[in-house]
């Protein structure tokens, strides 16, 4: 039996909340609650989260289903509506557009136990959010950039979409850190004009709507428009792998530094061979596991499992050449890769 540690609090330095749920290992009981884990798209990141959610289902005797929408908001809404018709007991969802999905989420939250994970919707009636402080994580990438580019330079930022709460905050954290600004997670610089301060310039921010071909083309376009580009920053897991393809074809691996979020295999390999300076990772396995654990506790009548802040923090981690080997080995073990 595993003691499920839920990390709570408004800051990264949070004391653990331990939920000890009596259960036996093995497959989920057919009589147990049905908890749905819903992603905001299809990506390797979500494969890791799926493994965590399914592990929690086996350990906590919960029927877990994992759903990965392929067609954006409409597909995500259809999935939720279908689950509600079937009487799902709990939902953990990563929202695509928190502002425009607020009324939809409030309606779903009135019919089932609903939490957000990975990407939050703080203005809704969700019970809690499981994830990291994305603004702080952005600043961690900014610190990595300043260490790797001590003379500064032009940066291009790439991301799937800025409608997501997590994407906006990551981007702002990167910008504020490299431009030497004060800590303010409510600040937002809309994409458009370049931003400069000190030795750094944020030359451009380009979105791709989860289209990998567009993601690569965006990097190619940024290199053409800014031949003196010093670094590329990918805010979603696939962005830097797509940038690496563009950099290799342009013969600019090494001359343009790459900085990433998340733990795509291509990114981790790039850190090992020196083509990627480093990445800041979430813990998608724990996102999946802890989402199921929290919903199981809530459905068992333990509302005390929800922290007063309604935020359960799974801290971000920095991965570079000093620790990529052990990190990657542990990740492969968790998801069953050789």
C-alpha atoms as a PDB file:
ATOM      1  CA  UNK A   1       0.000   0.000   0.000  1.00  0.00           C
ATOM      2  CA  UNK A   2       1.374   3.333  -0.997  1.00  0.00           C
ATOM      3  CA  UNK A   3       0.990   6.535   0.971  1.00  0.00           C
ATOM      4  CA  UNK A   4      -0.095   9.103  -1.548  1.00  0.00           C
ATOM      5  CA  UNK A   5       1.686  12.406  -0.984  1.00  0.00           C
ATOM      6  CA  UNK A   6      -0.246  15.460  -2.124  1.00  0.00           C
ATOM      7  CA  UNK A   7       1.892  18.553  -2.152  1.00  0.00           C
ATOM      8  CA  UNK A   8      -0.103  21.624  -1.280  1.00  0.00           C
ATOM      9  CA  UNK A   9       0.287  25.334  -0.869  1.00  0.00           C
ATOM     10  CA  UNK A  10       0.519  28.619  -2.661  1.00  0.00           C
ATOM     11  CA  UNK A  11       4.299  28.577  -2.996  1.00  0.00           C
ATOM     12  CA  UNK A  12       6.877  26.092  -4.196  1.00  0.00           C
ATOM     13  CA  UNK A  13       8.006  25.421  -0.641  1.00  0.00           C
ATOM     14  CA  UNK A  14       4.998  23.395   0.482  1.00  0.00           C
ATOM     15  CA  UNK A  15       4.528  20.847   3.211  1.00  0.00           C
ATOM     16  CA  UNK A  16       3.166  17.481   2.017  1.00  0.00           C
ATOM     17  CA  UNK A  17      -0.381  16.426   2.782  1.00  0.00           C
ATOM     18  CA  UNK A  18      -0.452  12.662   3.167  1.00  0.00           C
ATOM     19  CA  UNK A  19      -3.579  10.787   2.190  1.00  0.00           C
ATOM     20  CA  UNK A  20      -3.465   7.205   3.303  1.00  0.00           C
ATOM     21  CA  UNK A  21      -6.090   5.327   1.356  1.00  0.00           C
ATOM     22  CA  UNK A  22      -6.794   1.752   2.369  1.00  0.00           C
ATOM     23  CA  UNK A  23      -6.540  -0.389  -0.728  1.00  0.00           C
ATOM     24  CA  UNK A  24      -4.873  -3.380  -2.224  1.00  0.00           C
ATOM     25  CA  UNK A  25      -2.720  -3.511  -5.308  1.00  0.00           C
ATOM     26  CA  UNK A  26      -4.066  -4.912  -8.523  1.00  0.00           C
ATOM     27  CA  UNK A  27      -6.703  -4.006 -11.059  1.00  0.00           C
ATOM     28  CA  UNK A  28      -9.417  -1.491 -10.309  1.00  0.00           C
ATOM     29  CA  UNK A  29     -12.582  -2.938  -8.795  1.00  0.00           C
ATOM     30  CA  UNK A  30     -15.529  -2.961 -11.176  1.00  0.00           C
ATOM     31  CA  UNK A  31     -17.599  -1.630  -8.300  1.00  0.00           C
ATOM     32  CA  UNK A  32     -15.253   1.304  -7.668  1.00  0.00           C
ATOM     33  CA  UNK A  33     -15.830   4.888  -8.794  1.00  0.00           C
ATOM     34  CA  UNK A  34     -15.228   5.922 -12.392  1.00  0.00           C
ATOM     35  CA  UNK A  35     -12.674   8.730 -12.664  1.00  0.00           C
ATOM     36  CA  UNK A  36     -11.861  10.287 -16.030  1.00  0.00           C
ATOM     37  CA  UNK A  37      -8.466  11.859 -16.706  1.00  0.00           C
ATOM     38  CA  UNK A  38      -8.734  14.311 -19.626  1.00  0.00           C
ATOM     39  CA  UNK A  39      -5.752  15.898 -21.368  1.00  0.00           C
ATOM     40  CA  UNK A  40      -5.632  19.009 -23.563  1.00  0.00           C
ATOM     41  CA  UNK A  41      -4.229  17.185 -26.575  1.00  0.00           C
ATOM     42  CA  UNK A  42      -2.070  14.282 -27.700  1.00  0.00           C
ATOM     43  CA  UNK A  43       1.612  14.354 -26.712  1.00  0.00           C
ATOM     44  CA  UNK A  44       4.328  12.228 -25.139  1.00  0.00           C
ATOM     45  CA  UNK A  45       3.828  14.281 -21.967  1.00  0.00           C
ATOM     46  CA  UNK A  46       0.313  12.862 -21.676  1.00  0.00           C
ATOM     47  CA  UNK A  47       1.510   9.307 -22.197  1.00  0.00           C
ATOM     48  CA  UNK A  48       3.510   9.717 -18.989  1.00  0.00           C
ATOM     49  CA  UNK A  49       0.514  11.217 -17.167  1.00  0.00           C
ATOM     50  CA  UNK A  50      -1.646   8.327 -18.410  1.00  0.00           C
ATOM     51  CA  UNK A  51       0.754   5.842 -16.848  1.00  0.00           C
ATOM     52  CA  UNK A  52       0.460   7.653 -13.500  1.00  0.00           C
ATOM     53  CA  UNK A  53      -3.340   7.805 -13.617  1.00  0.00           C
ATOM     54  CA  UNK A  54      -3.631   4.136 -14.498  1.00  0.00           C
ATOM     55  CA  UNK A  55      -1.165   3.169 -11.763  1.00  0.00           C
ATOM     56  CA  UNK A  56      -3.315   5.032  -9.240  1.00  0.00           C
ATOM     57  CA  UNK A  57      -6.389   3.260 -10.568  1.00  0.00           C
ATOM     58  CA  UNK A  58      -4.800  -0.140  -9.952  1.00  0.00           C
ATOM     59  CA  UNK A  59      -3.496   0.818  -6.531  1.00  0.00           C
ATOM     60  CA  UNK A  60      -6.598   2.586  -5.253  1.00  0.00           C
ATOM     61  CA  UNK A  61      -9.266   0.296  -6.761  1.00  0.00           C
ATOM     62  CA  UNK A  62     -10.627   2.995  -9.058  1.00  0.00           C
ATOM     63  CA  UNK A  63     -11.917   2.606 -12.598  1.00  0.00           C
ATOM     64  CA  UNK A  64      -9.803   5.106 -14.553  1.00  0.00           C
ATOM     65  CA  UNK A  65     -10.339   6.147 -18.154  1.00  0.00           C
ATOM     66  CA  UNK A  66      -7.897   8.451 -19.963  1.00  0.00           C
ATOM     67  CA  UNK A  67      -9.091  10.681 -22.795  1.00  0.00           C
ATOM     68  CA  UNK A  68      -6.873  12.677 -25.179  1.00  0.00           C
ATOM     69  CA  UNK A  69      -8.848  15.102 -27.385  1.00  0.00           C
ATOM     70  CA  UNK A  70      -7.440  15.353 -30.887  1.00  0.00           C
ATOM     71  CA  UNK A  71      -9.509  18.281 -32.152  1.00  0.00           C
ATOM     72  CA  UNK A  72      -9.280  21.020 -29.554  1.00  0.00           C
ATOM     73  CA  UNK A  73     -12.020  22.564 -27.431  1.00  0.00           C
ATOM     74  CA  UNK A  74     -14.958  21.006 -29.281  1.00  0.00           C
ATOM     75  CA  UNK A  75     -13.531  17.512 -28.889  1.00  0.00           C
ATOM     76  CA  UNK A  76     -12.725  18.100 -25.211  1.00  0.00           C
ATOM     77  CA  UNK A  77     -16.270  19.340 -24.583  1.00  0.00           C
ATOM     78  CA  UNK A  78     -17.773  16.344 -26.371  1.00  0.00           C
ATOM     79  CA  UNK A  79     -15.711  13.977 -24.217  1.00  0.00           C
ATOM     80  CA  UNK A  80     -16.862  15.628 -20.999  1.00  0.00           C
ATOM     81  CA  UNK A  81     -20.508  15.709 -22.064  1.00  0.00           C
ATOM     82  CA  UNK A  82     -20.414  12.024 -22.971  1.00  0.00           C
ATOM     83  CA  UNK A  83     -18.828  11.155 -19.623  1.00  0.00           C
ATOM     84  CA  UNK A  84     -21.483  13.129 -17.743  1.00  0.00           C
ATOM     85  CA  UNK A  85     -24.244  11.264 -19.588  1.00  0.00           C
ATOM     86  CA  UNK A  86     -22.618   7.994 -18.535  1.00  0.00           C
ATOM     87  CA  UNK A  87     -22.515   9.155 -14.916  1.00  0.00           C
ATOM     88  CA  UNK A  88     -18.799   9.652 -14.376  1.00  0.00           C
ATOM     89  CA  UNK A  89     -17.982  10.127 -10.686  1.00  0.00           C
ATOM     90  CA  UNK A  90     -14.982  12.440 -11.038  1.00  0.00           C
ATOM     91  CA  UNK A  91     -13.063  14.360 -13.699  1.00  0.00           C
ATOM     92  CA  UNK A  92      -9.502  15.702 -13.789  1.00  0.00           C
ATOM     93  CA  UNK A  93      -9.062  17.977 -16.799  1.00  0.00           C
ATOM     94  CA  UNK A  94      -6.356  20.129 -18.379  1.00  0.00           C
ATOM     95  CA  UNK A  95      -8.153  23.046 -20.001  1.00  0.00           C
ATOM     96  CA  UNK A  96      -7.380  24.338 -23.456  1.00  0.00           C
ATOM     97  CA  UNK A  97      -8.827  27.834 -23.020  1.00  0.00           C
ATOM     98  CA  UNK A  98      -9.705  28.578 -19.401  1.00  0.00           C
ATOM     99  CA  UNK A  99     -11.484  31.867 -20.112  1.00  0.00           C
ATOM    100  CA  UNK A 100     -13.728  30.594 -22.888  1.00  0.00           C
ATOM    101  CA  UNK A 101     -14.402  27.263 -21.173  1.00  0.00           C
ATOM    102  CA  UNK A 102     -15.415  28.732 -17.800  1.00  0.00           C
ATOM    103  CA  UNK A 103     -19.198  28.337 -18.122  1.00  0.00           C
ATOM    104  CA  UNK A 104     -18.798  24.839 -19.551  1.00  0.00           C
ATOM    105  CA  UNK A 105     -16.542  23.815 -16.652  1.00  0.00           C
ATOM    106  CA  UNK A 106     -18.895  25.329 -14.069  1.00  0.00           C
ATOM    107  CA  UNK A 107     -21.765  23.334 -15.541  1.00  0.00           C
ATOM    108  CA  UNK A 108     -19.731  20.114 -15.437  1.00  0.00           C
ATOM    109  CA  UNK A 109     -18.585  20.864 -11.872  1.00  0.00           C
ATOM    110  CA  UNK A 110     -22.236  21.064 -10.795  1.00  0.00           C
ATOM    111  CA  UNK A 111     -22.740  17.473 -11.968  1.00  0.00           C
ATOM    112  CA  UNK A 112     -19.554  15.677 -10.938  1.00  0.00           C
ATOM    113  CA  UNK A 113     -16.459  16.093  -8.763  1.00  0.00           C
ATOM    114  CA  UNK A 114     -14.158  18.121 -10.998  1.00  0.00           C
ATOM    115  CA  UNK A 115     -10.559  19.237 -10.584  1.00  0.00           C
ATOM    116  CA  UNK A 116      -8.110  20.797 -13.005  1.00  0.00           C
ATOM    117  CA  UNK A 117      -4.591  19.531 -13.608  1.00  0.00           C
ATOM    118  CA  UNK A 118      -1.650  20.839 -15.637  1.00  0.00           C
ATOM    119  CA  UNK A 119      -3.567  23.929 -16.863  1.00  0.00           C
ATOM    120  CA  UNK A 120      -5.868  25.672 -14.406  1.00  0.00           C
ATOM    121  CA  UNK A 121      -9.089  27.677 -14.550  1.00  0.00           C
ATOM    122  CA  UNK A 122      -8.885  29.551 -11.235  1.00  0.00           C
ATOM    123  CA  UNK A 123     -12.050  31.572 -11.804  1.00  0.00           C
ATOM    124  CA  UNK A 124     -14.252  28.481 -12.111  1.00  0.00           C
ATOM    125  CA  UNK A 125     -15.904  26.201  -9.554  1.00  0.00           C
ATOM    126  CA  UNK A 126     -13.329  23.450  -9.903  1.00  0.00           C
ATOM    127  CA  UNK A 127     -12.540  21.868  -6.536  1.00  0.00           C
ATOM    128  CA  UNK A 128      -8.745  22.098  -6.792  1.00  0.00           C
ATOM    129  CA  UNK A 129      -5.823  22.433  -9.177  1.00  0.00           C
ATOM    130  CA  UNK A 130      -2.945  19.948  -9.359  1.00  0.00           C
ATOM    131  CA  UNK A 131       0.119  21.208 -11.167  1.00  0.00           C
ATOM    132  CA  UNK A 132       3.121  23.471 -10.841  1.00  0.00           C
ATOM    133  CA  UNK A 133       3.557  27.204 -10.487  1.00  0.00           C
ATOM    134  CA  UNK A 134       4.003  27.886 -14.194  1.00  0.00           C
ATOM    135  CA  UNK A 135       5.193  31.447 -13.710  1.00  0.00           C
ATOM    136  CA  UNK A 136       7.948  30.285 -11.345  1.00  0.00           C
ATOM    137  CA  UNK A 137       8.840  27.492 -13.786  1.00  0.00           C
ATOM    138  CA  UNK A 138       9.151  30.084 -16.529  1.00  0.00           C
ATOM    139  CA  UNK A 139      11.553  32.042 -14.387  1.00  0.00           C
ATOM    140  CA  UNK A 140      13.570  28.833 -13.871  1.00  0.00           C
ATOM    141  CA  UNK A 141      13.987  28.573 -17.645  1.00  0.00           C
ATOM    142  CA  UNK A 142      14.937  32.253 -17.658  1.00  0.00           C
ATOM    143  CA  UNK A 143      17.689  31.531 -15.136  1.00  0.00           C
ATOM    144  CA  UNK A 144      18.986  28.735 -17.353  1.00  0.00           C
ATOM    145  CA  UNK A 145      19.013  31.107 -20.320  1.00  0.00           C
ATOM    146  CA  UNK A 146      20.994  33.753 -18.428  1.00  0.00           C
ATOM    147  CA  UNK A 147      23.562  31.166 -17.329  1.00  0.00           C
ATOM    148  CA  UNK A 148      23.939  29.744 -20.835  1.00  0.00           C
ATOM    149  CA  UNK A 149      23.986  33.120 -22.619  1.00  0.00           C
ATOM    150  CA  UNK A 150      25.923  35.412 -20.255  1.00  0.00           C
ATOM    151  CA  UNK A 151      26.336  38.029 -22.993  1.00  0.00           C
ATOM    152  CA  UNK A 152      22.610  38.064 -23.736  1.00  0.00           C
ATOM    153  CA  UNK A 153      21.113  38.071 -27.206  1.00  0.00           C
ATOM    154  CA  UNK A 154      17.889  37.669 -29.143  1.00  0.00           C
ATOM    155  CA  UNK A 155      15.407  34.975 -28.143  1.00  0.00           C
ATOM    156  CA  UNK A 156      12.446  33.442 -29.975  1.00  0.00           C
ATOM    157  CA  UNK A 157       9.660  31.782 -27.974  1.00  0.00           C
ATOM    158  CA  UNK A 158       7.522  28.977 -29.387  1.00  0.00           C
ATOM    159  CA  UNK A 159       4.307  27.592 -27.927  1.00  0.00           C
ATOM    160  CA  UNK A 160       1.198  25.690 -28.984  1.00  0.00           C
ATOM    161  CA  UNK A 161      -1.290  28.307 -27.857  1.00  0.00           C
ATOM    162  CA  UNK A 162      -1.427  31.196 -25.428  1.00  0.00           C
ATOM    163  CA  UNK A 163      -5.079  30.678 -24.515  1.00  0.00           C
ATOM    164  CA  UNK A 164      -3.951  28.164 -21.887  1.00  0.00           C
ATOM    165  CA  UNK A 165      -3.283  29.524 -18.418  1.00  0.00           C
ATOM    166  CA  UNK A 166      -0.078  27.509 -18.074  1.00  0.00           C
ATOM    167  CA  UNK A 167       1.336  28.707 -21.411  1.00  0.00           C
ATOM    168  CA  UNK A 168       0.743  32.388 -20.639  1.00  0.00           C
ATOM    169  CA  UNK A 169       2.384  32.114 -17.239  1.00  0.00           C
ATOM    170  CA  UNK A 170       5.382  30.134 -18.471  1.00  0.00           C
ATOM    171  CA  UNK A 171       6.038  32.666 -21.197  1.00  0.00           C
ATOM    172  CA  UNK A 172       5.693  35.591 -18.807  1.00  0.00           C
ATOM    173  CA  UNK A 173       8.050  33.977 -16.311  1.00  0.00           C
ATOM    174  CA  UNK A 174      10.718  33.527 -18.992  1.00  0.00           C
ATOM    175  CA  UNK A 175      10.319  37.120 -20.175  1.00  0.00           C
ATOM    176  CA  UNK A 176      10.371  38.659 -16.712  1.00  0.00           C
ATOM    177  CA  UNK A 177      13.442  36.695 -15.629  1.00  0.00           C
ATOM    178  CA  UNK A 178      15.626  37.413 -18.658  1.00  0.00           C
ATOM    179  CA  UNK A 179      14.584  41.080 -18.728  1.00  0.00           C
ATOM    180  CA  UNK A 180      15.390  41.487 -15.026  1.00  0.00           C
ATOM    181  CA  UNK A 181      11.880  42.346 -13.904  1.00  0.00           C
ATOM    182  CA  UNK A 182      10.281  41.972 -10.486  1.00  0.00           C
ATOM    183  CA  UNK A 183       8.245  38.882  -9.594  1.00  0.00           C
ATOM    184  CA  UNK A 184       4.652  39.476 -10.730  1.00  0.00           C
ATOM    185  CA  UNK A 185       2.654  36.499 -11.972  1.00  0.00           C
ATOM    186  CA  UNK A 186      -0.254  38.764 -12.960  1.00  0.00           C
ATOM    187  CA  UNK A 187       1.836  40.634 -15.549  1.00  0.00           C
ATOM    188  CA  UNK A 188       1.185  39.842 -19.221  1.00  0.00           C
ATOM    189  CA  UNK A 189       2.995  41.088 -22.311  1.00  0.00           C
ATOM    190  CA  UNK A 190       0.897  40.285 -25.379  1.00  0.00           C
ATOM    191  CA  UNK A 191       2.858  38.926 -28.335  1.00  0.00           C
ATOM    192  CA  UNK A 192       3.663  41.449 -31.020  1.00  0.00           C
ATOM    193  CA  UNK A 193       6.417  44.002 -30.609  1.00  0.00           C
ATOM    194  CA  UNK A 194       9.900  42.910 -29.447  1.00  0.00           C
ATOM    195  CA  UNK A 195      10.691  43.343 -25.743  1.00  0.00           C
ATOM    196  CA  UNK A 196      14.170  44.435 -24.646  1.00  0.00           C
ATOM    197  CA  UNK A 197      15.989  45.177 -21.427  1.00  0.00           C
ATOM    198  CA  UNK A 198      19.646  44.841 -20.545  1.00  0.00           C
ATOM    199  CA  UNK A 199      21.421  42.363 -22.790  1.00  0.00           C
ATOM    200  CA  UNK A 200      18.326  40.405 -23.914  1.00  0.00           C
ATOM    201  CA  UNK A 201      15.605  40.899 -26.502  1.00  0.00           C
ATOM    202  CA  UNK A 202      12.488  38.764 -26.867  1.00  0.00           C
ATOM    203  CA  UNK A 203      12.341  39.038 -30.648  1.00  0.00           C
ATOM    204  CA  UNK A 204       9.160  37.080 -31.304  1.00  0.00           C
ATOM    205  CA  UNK A 205       6.591  34.680 -29.855  1.00  0.00           C
ATOM    206  CA  UNK A 206       5.023  32.261 -32.340  1.00  0.00           C
ATOM    207  CA  UNK A 207       2.133  29.828 -31.796  1.00  0.00           C
ATOM    208  CA  UNK A 208       1.350  26.629 -33.704  1.00  0.00           C
ATOM    209  CA  UNK A 209      -1.941  25.259 -32.264  1.00  0.00           C
ATOM    210  CA  UNK A 210      -0.294  21.869 -31.594  1.00  0.00           C
ATOM    211  CA  UNK A 211       0.606  21.475 -35.287  1.00  0.00           C
ATOM    212  CA  UNK A 212       4.112  19.950 -35.367  1.00  0.00           C
ATOM    213  CA  UNK A 213       4.702  20.935 -38.990  1.00  0.00           C
ATOM    214  CA  UNK A 214       3.805  24.533 -38.138  1.00  0.00           C
ATOM    215  CA  UNK A 215       6.016  24.365 -35.046  1.00  0.00           C
ATOM    216  CA  UNK A 216       9.038  23.500 -37.165  1.00  0.00           C
ATOM    217  CA  UNK A 217       8.119  26.126 -39.760  1.00  0.00           C
ATOM    218  CA  UNK A 218       7.858  28.746 -37.010  1.00  0.00           C
ATOM    219  CA  UNK A 219      11.434  28.050 -35.944  1.00  0.00           C
ATOM    220  CA  UNK A 220      12.623  28.224 -39.541  1.00  0.00           C
ATOM    221  CA  UNK A 221      10.798  31.532 -39.975  1.00  0.00           C
ATOM    222  CA  UNK A 222      12.305  32.984 -36.798  1.00  0.00           C
ATOM    223  CA  UNK A 223      15.831  32.094 -37.956  1.00  0.00           C
ATOM    224  CA  UNK A 224      15.209  33.745 -41.338  1.00  0.00           C
ATOM    225  CA  UNK A 225      13.759  36.906 -39.805  1.00  0.00           C
ATOM    226  CA  UNK A 226      16.426  37.108 -37.094  1.00  0.00           C
ATOM    227  CA  UNK A 227      19.753  35.775 -38.418  1.00  0.00           C
ATOM    228  CA  UNK A 228      21.430  36.883 -35.188  1.00  0.00           C
ATOM    229  CA  UNK A 229      19.139  34.745 -33.024  1.00  0.00           C
ATOM    230  CA  UNK A 230      20.934  33.499 -29.892  1.00  0.00           C
ATOM    231  CA  UNK A 231      18.356  31.138 -28.430  1.00  0.00           C
ATOM    232  CA  UNK A 232      15.072  29.344 -29.015  1.00  0.00           C
ATOM    233  CA  UNK A 233      12.680  28.636 -26.154  1.00  0.00           C
ATOM    234  CA  UNK A 234       9.989  25.942 -26.412  1.00  0.00           C
ATOM    235  CA  UNK A 235       7.132  26.203 -23.912  1.00  0.00           C
ATOM    236  CA  UNK A 236       5.438  22.891 -24.796  1.00  0.00           C
ATOM    237  CA  UNK A 237       7.117  19.510 -24.868  1.00  0.00           C
ATOM    238  CA  UNK A 238       7.209  19.098 -28.655  1.00  0.00           C
ATOM    239  CA  UNK A 239       8.457  22.624 -29.425  1.00  0.00           C
ATOM    240  CA  UNK A 240      12.176  22.064 -28.889  1.00  0.00           C
ATOM    241  CA  UNK A 241      12.209  18.696 -30.737  1.00  0.00           C
ATOM    242  CA  UNK A 242      10.709  20.526 -33.731  1.00  0.00           C
ATOM    243  CA  UNK A 243      13.210  23.339 -33.304  1.00  0.00           C
ATOM    244  CA  UNK A 244      16.058  20.811 -33.239  1.00  0.00           C
ATOM    245  CA  UNK A 245      14.973  19.511 -36.641  1.00  0.00           C
ATOM    246  CA  UNK A 246      14.995  23.059 -38.001  1.00  0.00           C
ATOM    247  CA  UNK A 247      18.345  23.888 -36.387  1.00  0.00           C
ATOM    248  CA  UNK A 248      19.981  20.738 -37.758  1.00  0.00           C
ATOM    249  CA  UNK A 249      18.761  21.428 -41.277  1.00  0.00           C
ATOM    250  CA  UNK A 250      20.039  25.011 -41.031  1.00  0.00           C
ATOM    251  CA  UNK A 251      23.386  23.905 -39.620  1.00  0.00           C
ATOM    252  CA  UNK A 252      22.869  26.012 -36.500  1.00  0.00           C
ATOM    253  CA  UNK A 253      22.902  23.408 -33.740  1.00  0.00           C
ATOM    254  CA  UNK A 254      25.193  24.821 -31.073  1.00  0.00           C
ATOM    255  CA  UNK A 255      25.341  28.313 -32.501  1.00  0.00           C
ATOM    256  CA  UNK A 256      21.727  28.815 -31.426  1.00  0.00           C
ATOM    257  CA  UNK A 257      21.010  27.534 -27.928  1.00  0.00           C
ATOM    258  CA  UNK A 258      17.805  25.587 -27.228  1.00  0.00           C
ATOM    259  CA  UNK A 259      15.849  25.803 -23.962  1.00  0.00           C
ATOM    260  CA  UNK A 260      12.886  23.602 -23.233  1.00  0.00           C
ATOM    261  CA  UNK A 261       9.974  22.608 -21.044  1.00  0.00           C
ATOM    262  CA  UNK A 262       9.053  18.986 -20.379  1.00  0.00           C
ATOM    263  CA  UNK A 263      10.796  15.712 -21.041  1.00  0.00           C
ATOM    264  CA  UNK A 264      10.451  14.663 -24.669  1.00  0.00           C
ATOM    265  CA  UNK A 265      12.983  11.972 -25.579  1.00  0.00           C
ATOM    266  CA  UNK A 266      14.504  14.238 -28.235  1.00  0.00           C
ATOM    267  CA  UNK A 267      14.990  16.981 -25.651  1.00  0.00           C
ATOM    268  CA  UNK A 268      16.641  14.662 -23.129  1.00  0.00           C
ATOM    269  CA  UNK A 269      18.892  13.230 -25.834  1.00  0.00           C
ATOM    270  CA  UNK A 270      19.735  16.789 -26.854  1.00  0.00           C
ATOM    271  CA  UNK A 271      20.776  17.607 -23.300  1.00  0.00           C
ATOM    272  CA  UNK A 272      23.053  14.569 -23.267  1.00  0.00           C
ATOM    273  CA  UNK A 273      24.706  15.435 -26.586  1.00  0.00           C
ATOM    274  CA  UNK A 274      24.875  19.186 -25.911  1.00  0.00           C
ATOM    275  CA  UNK A 275      22.361  20.454 -28.480  1.00  0.00           C
ATOM    276  CA  UNK A 276      19.908  21.503 -25.732  1.00  0.00           C
ATOM    277  CA  UNK A 277      21.057  23.576 -22.763  1.00  0.00           C
ATOM    278  CA  UNK A 278      18.432  22.155 -20.434  1.00  0.00           C
ATOM    279  CA  UNK A 279      14.755  21.795 -19.659  1.00  0.00           C
ATOM    280  CA  UNK A 280      12.363  22.488 -16.811  1.00  0.00           C
ATOM    281  CA  UNK A 281      10.101  19.539 -16.281  1.00  0.00           C
ATOM    282  CA  UNK A 282       6.810  19.031 -14.622  1.00  0.00           C
ATOM    283  CA  UNK A 283       5.938  15.645 -13.186  1.00  0.00           C
ATOM    284  CA  UNK A 284       3.177  14.331 -15.441  1.00  0.00           C
ATOM    285  CA  UNK A 285       3.295  10.885 -13.837  1.00  0.00           C
ATOM    286  CA  UNK A 286       2.412  12.461 -10.490  1.00  0.00           C
ATOM    287  CA  UNK A 287      -0.182  14.702 -12.149  1.00  0.00           C
ATOM    288  CA  UNK A 288      -1.963  11.544 -13.226  1.00  0.00           C
ATOM    289  CA  UNK A 289      -1.462   9.639  -9.978  1.00  0.00           C
ATOM    290  CA  UNK A 290      -2.320  12.487  -7.625  1.00  0.00           C
ATOM    291  CA  UNK A 291      -5.376  13.534  -9.653  1.00  0.00           C
ATOM    292  CA  UNK A 292      -6.896  10.082  -9.243  1.00  0.00           C
ATOM    293  CA  UNK A 293      -5.860   9.945  -5.578  1.00  0.00           C
ATOM    294  CA  UNK A 294      -7.430  13.306  -4.769  1.00  0.00           C
ATOM    295  CA  UNK A 295     -10.679  12.499  -6.546  1.00  0.00           C
ATOM    296  CA  UNK A 296     -10.836   9.097  -4.805  1.00  0.00           C
ATOM    297  CA  UNK A 297     -10.424  10.874  -1.445  1.00  0.00           C
ATOM    298  CA  UNK A 298     -13.129  13.415  -2.293  1.00  0.00           C
ATOM    299  CA  UNK A 299     -15.518  10.707  -3.461  1.00  0.00           C
ATOM    300  CA  UNK A 300     -14.833   8.804  -0.252  1.00  0.00           C
ATOM    301  CA  UNK A 301     -16.055  11.826   1.727  1.00  0.00           C
ATOM    302  CA  UNK A 302     -12.652  13.264   2.628  1.00  0.00           C
ATOM    303  CA  UNK A 303     -13.123  16.917   1.653  1.00  0.00           C
ATOM    304  CA  UNK A 304     -10.243  17.732   3.970  1.00  0.00           C
ATOM    305  CA  UNK A 305      -7.975  16.435   1.216  1.00  0.00           C
ATOM    306  CA  UNK A 306      -8.611  19.726  -0.601  1.00  0.00           C
ATOM    307  CA  UNK A 307      -6.168  22.366   0.690  1.00  0.00           C
ATOM    308  CA  UNK A 308      -7.458  25.794   1.637  1.00  0.00           C
ATOM    309  CA  UNK A 309      -5.531  27.268  -1.290  1.00  0.00           C
ATOM    310  CA  UNK A 310      -7.135  24.720  -3.657  1.00  0.00           C
ATOM    311  CA  UNK A 311      -3.666  24.302  -5.161  1.00  0.00           C
ATOM    312  CA  UNK A 312      -1.684  21.089  -4.878  1.00  0.00           C
ATOM    313  CA  UNK A 313       1.811  21.911  -6.029  1.00  0.00           C
ATOM    314  CA  UNK A 314       3.963  19.342  -7.818  1.00  0.00           C
ATOM    315  CA  UNK A 315       7.213  21.344  -8.029  1.00  0.00           C
ATOM    316  CA  UNK A 316       9.049  21.884 -11.287  1.00  0.00           C
ATOM    317  CA  UNK A 317      12.557  20.491 -11.675  1.00  0.00           C
ATOM    318  CA  UNK A 318      15.511  21.644 -13.736  1.00  0.00           C
ATOM    319  CA  UNK A 319      17.171  18.998 -15.893  1.00  0.00           C
ATOM    320  CA  UNK A 320      20.604  19.612 -17.414  1.00  0.00           C
ATOM    321  CA  UNK A 321      23.686  17.553 -18.193  1.00  0.00           C
ATOM    322  CA  UNK A 322      24.399  17.057 -14.496  1.00  0.00           C
ATOM    323  CA  UNK A 323      21.245  15.044 -13.819  1.00  0.00           C
ATOM    324  CA  UNK A 324      19.660  14.033 -17.135  1.00  0.00           C
ATOM    325  CA  UNK A 325      20.940  10.430 -16.961  1.00  0.00           C
ATOM    326  CA  UNK A 326      19.289   9.412 -13.658  1.00  0.00           C
ATOM    327  CA  UNK A 327      16.168  11.402 -14.483  1.00  0.00           C
ATOM    328  CA  UNK A 328      15.696   9.699 -17.859  1.00  0.00           C
ATOM    329  CA  UNK A 329      16.340   6.239 -16.397  1.00  0.00           C
ATOM    330  CA  UNK A 330      13.690   6.795 -13.709  1.00  0.00           C
ATOM    331  CA  UNK A 331      11.222   8.095 -16.287  1.00  0.00           C
ATOM    332  CA  UNK A 332      11.669   5.053 -18.518  1.00  0.00           C
ATOM    333  CA  UNK A 333      11.097   2.770 -15.538  1.00  0.00           C
ATOM    334  CA  UNK A 334       7.829   4.512 -14.642  1.00  0.00           C
ATOM    335  CA  UNK A 335       6.354   4.250 -18.131  1.00  0.00           C
ATOM    336  CA  UNK A 336       7.684   0.773 -18.844  1.00  0.00           C
ATOM    337  CA  UNK A 337      10.266   1.672 -21.481  1.00  0.00           C
ATOM    338  CA  UNK A 338      13.400  -0.498 -21.805  1.00  0.00           C
END
